[in-house]
């Protein structure tokens, strides 16, 4: 798709944009949508009527190898555990959403205040170049 071109004038930003555009072209193609529909339609009746389907989405098809209660193939091997987890976590997550609580902050890069061989300012004890200043 995006060939390596030595001595190319293509910048890193334009290469990223090209990859992103190619990804969205594939994601929105008819074949990708058909694949998603086929995955959904392959769910057994037990999954389609499940109260946690909106959270697990049937999980990964590679784990769908046991039979449902009606004998239909395709039930997820991890179904019982996923149901237990999602039912347990549904109420606490709903409370957080109701409070308007923001998600936990993600790690951010420390500005390049330290030299590459200086200790990292985050306190890890590693060199800046091997920790937060890594490329």
Protein backbone atom coordinates (compact mmCIF):
# COMPACT_ATOMS: atom_id res chain seq x y z
CA UNK A 1 0.00 0.00 0.00
CA UNK A 2 2.45 2.63 1.14
CA UNK A 3 5.74 1.69 -0.45
CA UNK A 4 9.08 2.60 1.02
CA UNK A 5 10.60 5.21 -1.19
CA UNK A 6 14.22 6.08 -0.49
CA UNK A 7 15.07 9.77 -0.81
CA UNK A 8 11.38 10.54 -0.94
CA UNK A 9 10.08 14.02 -0.34
CA UNK A 10 7.15 12.48 1.52
CA UNK A 11 7.14 13.73 5.09
CA UNK A 12 6.22 11.72 8.15
CA UNK A 13 2.93 13.64 8.50
CA UNK A 14 1.83 13.06 4.93
CA UNK A 15 2.69 9.36 5.23
CA UNK A 16 0.52 9.12 8.35
CA UNK A 17 -2.33 10.87 6.55
CA UNK A 18 -2.03 8.48 3.62
CA UNK A 19 -2.16 5.46 5.93
CA UNK A 20 -5.14 6.91 7.82
CA UNK A 21 -7.02 7.56 4.58
CA UNK A 22 -6.31 4.03 3.38
CA UNK A 23 -7.52 2.63 6.71
CA UNK A 24 -10.80 4.55 6.53
CA UNK A 25 -11.30 3.53 2.91
CA UNK A 26 -11.04 -0.14 3.93
CA UNK A 27 -13.08 0.32 7.12
CA UNK A 28 -15.96 1.94 5.25
CA UNK A 29 -15.87 -0.40 2.27
CA UNK A 30 -18.74 -2.70 1.51
CA UNK A 31 -16.70 -5.80 2.30
CA UNK A 32 -15.81 -4.57 5.81
CA UNK A 33 -19.43 -3.72 6.52
CA UNK A 34 -20.52 -7.11 5.20
CA UNK A 35 -17.97 -8.81 7.44
CA UNK A 36 -19.37 -6.97 10.47
CA UNK A 37 -22.91 -7.96 9.51
CA UNK A 38 -21.84 -11.59 9.10
CA UNK A 39 -20.20 -11.56 12.54
CA UNK A 40 -23.37 -10.17 14.12
CA UNK A 41 -25.67 -12.55 12.24
CA UNK A 42 -23.60 -15.59 13.30
CA UNK A 43 -24.44 -14.99 16.97
CA UNK A 44 -26.67 -17.68 18.48
CA UNK A 45 -30.09 -16.81 19.89
CA UNK A 46 -28.71 -16.79 23.46
CA UNK A 47 -26.35 -13.93 22.53
CA UNK A 48 -28.92 -11.86 20.68
CA UNK A 49 -31.20 -11.81 23.73
CA UNK A 50 -28.41 -11.28 26.29
CA UNK A 51 -28.54 -8.25 28.59
CA UNK A 52 -24.79 -7.58 28.21
CA UNK A 53 -24.54 -7.93 24.42
CA UNK A 54 -24.09 -4.16 24.07
CA UNK A 55 -20.88 -4.49 26.11
CA UNK A 56 -19.34 -7.73 24.81
CA UNK A 57 -20.67 -7.74 21.21
CA UNK A 58 -20.34 -11.52 21.14
CA UNK A 59 -16.60 -11.17 21.80
CA UNK A 60 -14.07 -12.61 19.39
CA UNK A 61 -15.34 -15.23 16.91
CA UNK A 62 -12.31 -17.44 17.56
CA UNK A 63 -13.77 -18.21 21.02
CA UNK A 64 -17.21 -19.18 19.69
CA UNK A 65 -16.93 -22.94 19.72
CA UNK A 66 -19.42 -24.21 22.31
CA UNK A 67 -23.12 -24.83 21.81
CA UNK A 68 -25.86 -22.54 23.09
CA UNK A 69 -28.76 -23.76 25.26
CA UNK A 70 -30.84 -24.49 22.14
CA UNK A 71 -28.00 -26.55 20.61
CA UNK A 72 -26.96 -23.90 18.09
CA UNK A 73 -23.19 -23.68 17.60
CA UNK A 74 -21.25 -20.47 18.04
CA UNK A 75 -21.59 -19.55 21.71
CA UNK A 76 -18.51 -17.88 23.16
CA UNK A 77 -16.40 -20.09 25.42
CA UNK A 78 -15.90 -17.11 27.74
CA UNK A 79 -19.60 -16.19 27.86
CA UNK A 80 -20.27 -17.00 31.52
CA UNK A 81 -17.22 -15.05 32.71
CA UNK A 82 -17.97 -12.06 30.47
CA UNK A 83 -21.57 -11.94 31.73
CA UNK A 84 -20.41 -12.03 35.33
CA UNK A 85 -17.85 -9.28 34.77
CA UNK A 86 -20.14 -6.95 32.82
CA UNK A 87 -23.04 -7.41 35.25
CA UNK A 88 -20.72 -6.70 38.18
CA UNK A 89 -19.20 -3.58 36.62
CA UNK A 90 -22.32 -2.13 34.97
CA UNK A 91 -23.61 -0.22 38.02
CA UNK A 92 -20.29 1.35 39.11
CA UNK A 93 -19.58 2.43 35.54
CA UNK A 94 -23.07 3.92 35.20
CA UNK A 95 -22.50 5.93 38.40
CA UNK A 96 -19.26 7.33 37.02
CA UNK A 97 -20.95 8.31 33.79
CA UNK A 98 -23.86 9.90 35.69
CA UNK A 99 -21.44 12.00 37.73
CA UNK A 100 -19.85 13.19 34.52
CA UNK A 101 -16.51 11.93 35.68
CA UNK A 102 -13.73 12.14 33.15
CA UNK A 103 -11.79 9.01 32.24
CA UNK A 104 -8.47 8.50 33.99
CA UNK A 105 -5.77 10.65 32.44
CA UNK A 106 -3.44 8.87 30.09
CA UNK A 107 0.31 9.05 30.29
CA UNK A 108 1.77 12.12 28.66
CA UNK A 109 5.25 12.76 27.45
CA UNK A 110 7.46 14.83 29.67
CA UNK A 111 8.69 17.86 27.75
CA UNK A 112 12.29 17.60 26.71
CA UNK A 113 13.64 19.38 29.80
CA UNK A 114 16.33 16.84 30.53
CA UNK A 115 19.29 15.83 28.40
CA UNK A 116 19.19 12.40 26.79
CA UNK A 117 21.61 10.89 29.32
CA UNK A 118 20.18 12.67 32.37
CA UNK A 119 17.90 10.83 34.81
CA UNK A 120 14.28 10.97 33.77
CA UNK A 121 12.25 13.65 35.60
CA UNK A 122 9.40 11.16 36.14
CA UNK A 123 11.44 9.53 38.92
CA UNK A 124 11.79 6.08 37.39
CA UNK A 125 15.57 6.11 37.83
CA UNK A 126 16.12 5.35 34.15
CA UNK A 127 17.83 7.59 31.63
CA UNK A 128 15.53 10.11 29.97
CA UNK A 129 16.24 8.62 26.53
CA UNK A 130 15.18 5.14 27.74
CA UNK A 131 12.07 6.37 29.54
CA UNK A 132 9.84 9.35 28.74
CA UNK A 133 12.18 10.84 26.16
CA UNK A 134 12.32 7.75 23.97
CA UNK A 135 11.42 8.18 20.33
